[in-house]
Amino acid sequence: MSLGSSLPEAGRYLTRSLAQSLRLMVGLPDYDAYLTHMERTHPEQAPMSYEAFFRERQEARYGSGRGRCC
């Protein structure tokens, strides 16, 4: 494999990694990672839609509207 052919691949990897890191920093869930996980570990189950996944992650992060003490 030549260096010239691996540079574009490395650039795509770095771009995906940076985008994922930024989404995690601001609290946006990673739906693509969820789909990959479901496909690998739970192939018999249908994955949630993006909307259902987003709502579930928001609920897990912020709760059901109850105030938290901390």
N, C-alpha and C. Protein backbone atom coordinates (compact mmCIF):
# COMPACT_ATOMS: atom_id res chain seq x y z
N MET A 1 0.85 -1.17 0.00
CA MET A 1 0.00 0.00 0.00
C MET A 1 0.89 1.24 0.00
N SER A 2 0.61 2.16 -0.87
CA SER A 2 1.43 3.36 -0.93
C SER A 2 0.91 4.41 0.03
N LEU A 3 1.79 5.33 0.39
CA LEU A 3 1.43 6.39 1.32
C LEU A 3 0.33 7.27 0.74
N GLY A 4 0.37 7.50 -0.57
CA GLY A 4 -0.64 8.35 -1.21
C GLY A 4 -2.04 7.81 -1.11
N SER A 5 -2.19 6.50 -1.15
CA SER A 5 -3.54 5.92 -1.08
C SER A 5 -4.05 5.85 0.35
N SER A 6 -3.17 5.85 1.34
CA SER A 6 -3.63 5.76 2.72
C SER A 6 -3.94 7.14 3.33
N LEU A 7 -3.45 8.21 2.74
CA LEU A 7 -3.73 9.54 3.27
C LEU A 7 -5.21 9.89 3.23
N PRO A 8 -5.91 9.67 2.11
CA PRO A 8 -7.35 9.98 2.12
C PRO A 8 -8.11 9.14 3.16
N GLU A 9 -7.74 7.89 3.32
CA GLU A 9 -8.39 7.04 4.31
C GLU A 9 -8.13 7.57 5.72
N ALA A 10 -6.92 7.97 5.99
CA ALA A 10 -6.57 8.52 7.30
C ALA A 10 -7.33 9.82 7.55
N GLY A 11 -7.48 10.63 6.52
CA GLY A 11 -8.23 11.87 6.65
C GLY A 11 -9.69 11.62 6.99
N ARG A 12 -10.30 10.62 6.34
CA ARG A 12 -11.69 10.27 6.64
C ARG A 12 -11.83 9.77 8.07
N TYR A 13 -10.89 8.94 8.51
CA TYR A 13 -10.91 8.42 9.87
C TYR A 13 -10.80 9.57 10.89
N LEU A 14 -9.87 10.47 10.66
CA LEU A 14 -9.70 11.60 11.58
C LEU A 14 -10.93 12.49 11.61
N THR A 15 -11.54 12.71 10.45
CA THR A 15 -12.75 13.53 10.38
C THR A 15 -13.88 12.88 11.16
N ARG A 16 -14.08 11.57 10.97
CA ARG A 16 -15.14 10.86 11.71
C ARG A 16 -14.87 10.89 13.21
N SER A 17 -13.62 10.69 13.59
CA SER A 17 -13.26 10.70 15.01
C SER A 17 -13.49 12.07 15.64
N LEU A 18 -13.10 13.11 14.94
CA LEU A 18 -13.30 14.46 15.44
C LEU A 18 -14.78 14.78 15.57
N ALA A 19 -15.57 14.43 14.56
CA ALA A 19 -17.01 14.68 14.60
C ALA A 19 -17.65 13.94 15.77
N GLN A 20 -17.27 12.69 15.97
CA GLN A 20 -17.83 11.91 17.08
C GLN A 20 -17.43 12.54 18.41
N SER A 21 -16.20 12.96 18.55
CA SER A 21 -15.75 13.59 19.79
C SER A 21 -16.52 14.87 20.08
N LEU A 22 -16.72 15.68 19.06
CA LEU A 22 -17.46 16.93 19.25
C LEU A 22 -18.91 16.67 19.64
N ARG A 23 -19.54 15.67 19.01
CA ARG A 23 -20.93 15.34 19.37
C ARG A 23 -21.00 14.89 20.83
N LEU A 24 -20.05 14.07 21.26
CA LEU A 24 -20.05 13.60 22.64
C LEU A 24 -19.79 14.74 23.62
N MET A 25 -18.96 15.69 23.25
CA MET A 25 -18.66 16.83 24.13
C MET A 25 -19.90 17.67 24.40
N VAL A 26 -20.76 17.82 23.40
CA VAL A 26 -21.95 18.63 23.58
C VAL A 26 -23.17 17.80 23.95
N GLY A 27 -22.96 16.49 24.13
CA GLY A 27 -24.03 15.64 24.62
C GLY A 27 -24.94 15.05 23.58
N LEU A 28 -24.57 15.09 22.32
CA LEU A 28 -25.39 14.47 21.29
C LEU A 28 -25.04 12.98 21.20
N PRO A 29 -26.04 12.12 21.26
CA PRO A 29 -25.77 10.69 21.18
C PRO A 29 -25.31 10.28 19.78
N ASP A 30 -24.58 9.20 19.69
CA ASP A 30 -24.04 8.72 18.42
C ASP A 30 -24.90 7.58 17.88
N TYR A 31 -25.84 7.92 17.00
CA TYR A 31 -26.77 6.95 16.45
C TYR A 31 -26.07 5.90 15.60
N ASP A 32 -25.04 6.29 14.86
CA ASP A 32 -24.31 5.33 14.03
C ASP A 32 -23.63 4.27 14.89
N ALA A 33 -23.05 4.68 16.02
CA ALA A 33 -22.43 3.71 16.93
C ALA A 33 -23.49 2.77 17.51
N TYR A 34 -24.67 3.32 17.81
CA TYR A 34 -25.77 2.50 18.31
C TYR A 34 -26.19 1.46 17.27
N LEU A 35 -26.33 1.88 16.01
CA LEU A 35 -26.72 0.94 14.95
C LEU A 35 -25.67 -0.16 14.78
N THR A 36 -24.40 0.21 14.84
CA THR A 36 -23.33 -0.78 14.72
C THR A 36 -23.39 -1.76 15.88
N HIS A 37 -23.60 -1.25 17.08
CA HIS A 37 -23.72 -2.10 18.26
C HIS A 37 -24.89 -3.07 18.11
N MET A 38 -26.04 -2.56 17.71
CA MET A 38 -27.22 -3.41 17.57
C MET A 38 -26.99 -4.50 16.52
N GLU A 39 -26.37 -4.14 15.42
CA GLU A 39 -26.12 -5.10 14.36
C GLU A 39 -25.17 -6.22 14.82
N ARG A 40 -24.16 -5.85 15.58
CA ARG A 40 -23.16 -6.82 16.03
C ARG A 40 -23.64 -7.69 17.19
N THR A 41 -24.32 -7.08 18.16
CA THR A 41 -24.62 -7.81 19.38
C THR A 41 -26.08 -8.23 19.54
N HIS A 42 -26.97 -7.60 18.81
CA HIS A 42 -28.40 -7.92 18.92
C HIS A 42 -29.04 -7.99 17.54
N PRO A 43 -28.54 -8.84 16.64
CA PRO A 43 -29.06 -8.85 15.27
C PRO A 43 -30.53 -9.27 15.19
N GLU A 44 -31.04 -9.95 16.21
CA GLU A 44 -32.43 -10.39 16.19
C GLU A 44 -33.41 -9.27 16.54
N GLN A 45 -32.92 -8.16 17.09
CA GLN A 45 -33.78 -7.05 17.50
C GLN A 45 -33.72 -5.92 16.46
N ALA A 46 -34.87 -5.32 16.23
CA ALA A 46 -34.92 -4.15 15.34
C ALA A 46 -34.41 -2.93 16.11
N PRO A 47 -33.52 -2.13 15.52
CA PRO A 47 -33.04 -0.93 16.23
C PRO A 47 -34.13 0.14 16.30
N MET A 48 -33.99 1.01 17.28
CA MET A 48 -34.92 2.14 17.41
C MET A 48 -34.72 3.11 16.25
N SER A 49 -35.75 3.86 15.94
CA SER A 49 -35.61 4.94 14.97
C SER A 49 -34.71 6.01 15.58
N TYR A 50 -34.20 6.92 14.75
CA TYR A 50 -33.35 7.99 15.28
C TYR A 50 -34.11 8.80 16.33
N GLU A 51 -35.37 9.11 16.05
CA GLU A 51 -36.16 9.92 16.98
C GLU A 51 -36.33 9.21 18.32
N ALA A 52 -36.65 7.91 18.29
CA ALA A 52 -36.82 7.16 19.54
C ALA A 52 -35.49 7.06 20.28
N PHE A 53 -34.40 6.83 19.54
CA PHE A 53 -33.08 6.76 20.14
C PHE A 53 -32.73 8.08 20.83
N PHE A 54 -32.96 9.19 20.14
CA PHE A 54 -32.65 10.50 20.70
C PHE A 54 -33.46 10.76 21.96
N ARG A 55 -34.76 10.47 21.93
CA ARG A 55 -35.60 10.66 23.12
C ARG A 55 -35.11 9.79 24.29
N GLU A 56 -34.78 8.55 24.00
CA GLU A 56 -34.30 7.64 25.05
C GLU A 56 -33.01 8.15 25.67
N ARG A 57 -32.09 8.64 24.86
CA ARG A 57 -30.82 9.17 25.37
C ARG A 57 -31.04 10.44 26.18
N GLN A 58 -31.97 11.30 25.72
CA GLN A 58 -32.27 12.52 26.47
C GLN A 58 -32.87 12.17 27.83
N GLU A 59 -33.77 11.20 27.84
CA GLU A 59 -34.39 10.76 29.09
C GLU A 59 -33.33 10.18 30.03
N ALA A 60 -32.42 9.39 29.48
CA ALA A 60 -31.37 8.80 30.31
C ALA A 60 -30.44 9.88 30.88
N ARG A 61 -30.22 10.93 30.11
CA ARG A 61 -29.30 11.97 30.56
C ARG A 61 -29.95 12.94 31.55
N TYR A 62 -31.18 13.36 31.23
CA TYR A 62 -31.80 14.42 32.03
C TYR A 62 -32.92 13.94 32.93
N GLY A 63 -33.33 12.70 32.81
CA GLY A 63 -34.43 12.20 33.65
C GLY A 63 -35.77 12.63 33.10
N SER A 64 -36.78 12.43 33.90
CA SER A 64 -38.16 12.70 33.44
C SER A 64 -38.64 14.08 33.88
N GLY A 65 -37.78 15.05 33.86
CA GLY A 65 -38.18 16.40 34.23
C GLY A 65 -38.06 16.70 35.71
N ARG A 66 -37.71 15.69 36.48
CA ARG A 66 -37.53 15.91 37.92
C ARG A 66 -36.25 16.70 38.13
N GLY A 67 -36.30 17.59 39.08
CA GLY A 67 -35.09 18.32 39.42
C GLY A 67 -34.09 17.40 40.12
N ARG A 68 -32.86 17.64 39.89
CA ARG A 68 -31.82 16.84 40.56
C ARG A 68 -31.15 17.73 41.60
N CYS A 69 -30.69 17.11 42.65
CA CYS A 69 -30.04 17.90 43.69
C CYS A 69 -28.59 18.22 43.34
N CYS A 70 -28.00 17.50 42.40
CA CYS A 70 -26.59 17.71 42.11
C CYS A 70 -26.36 18.06 40.65
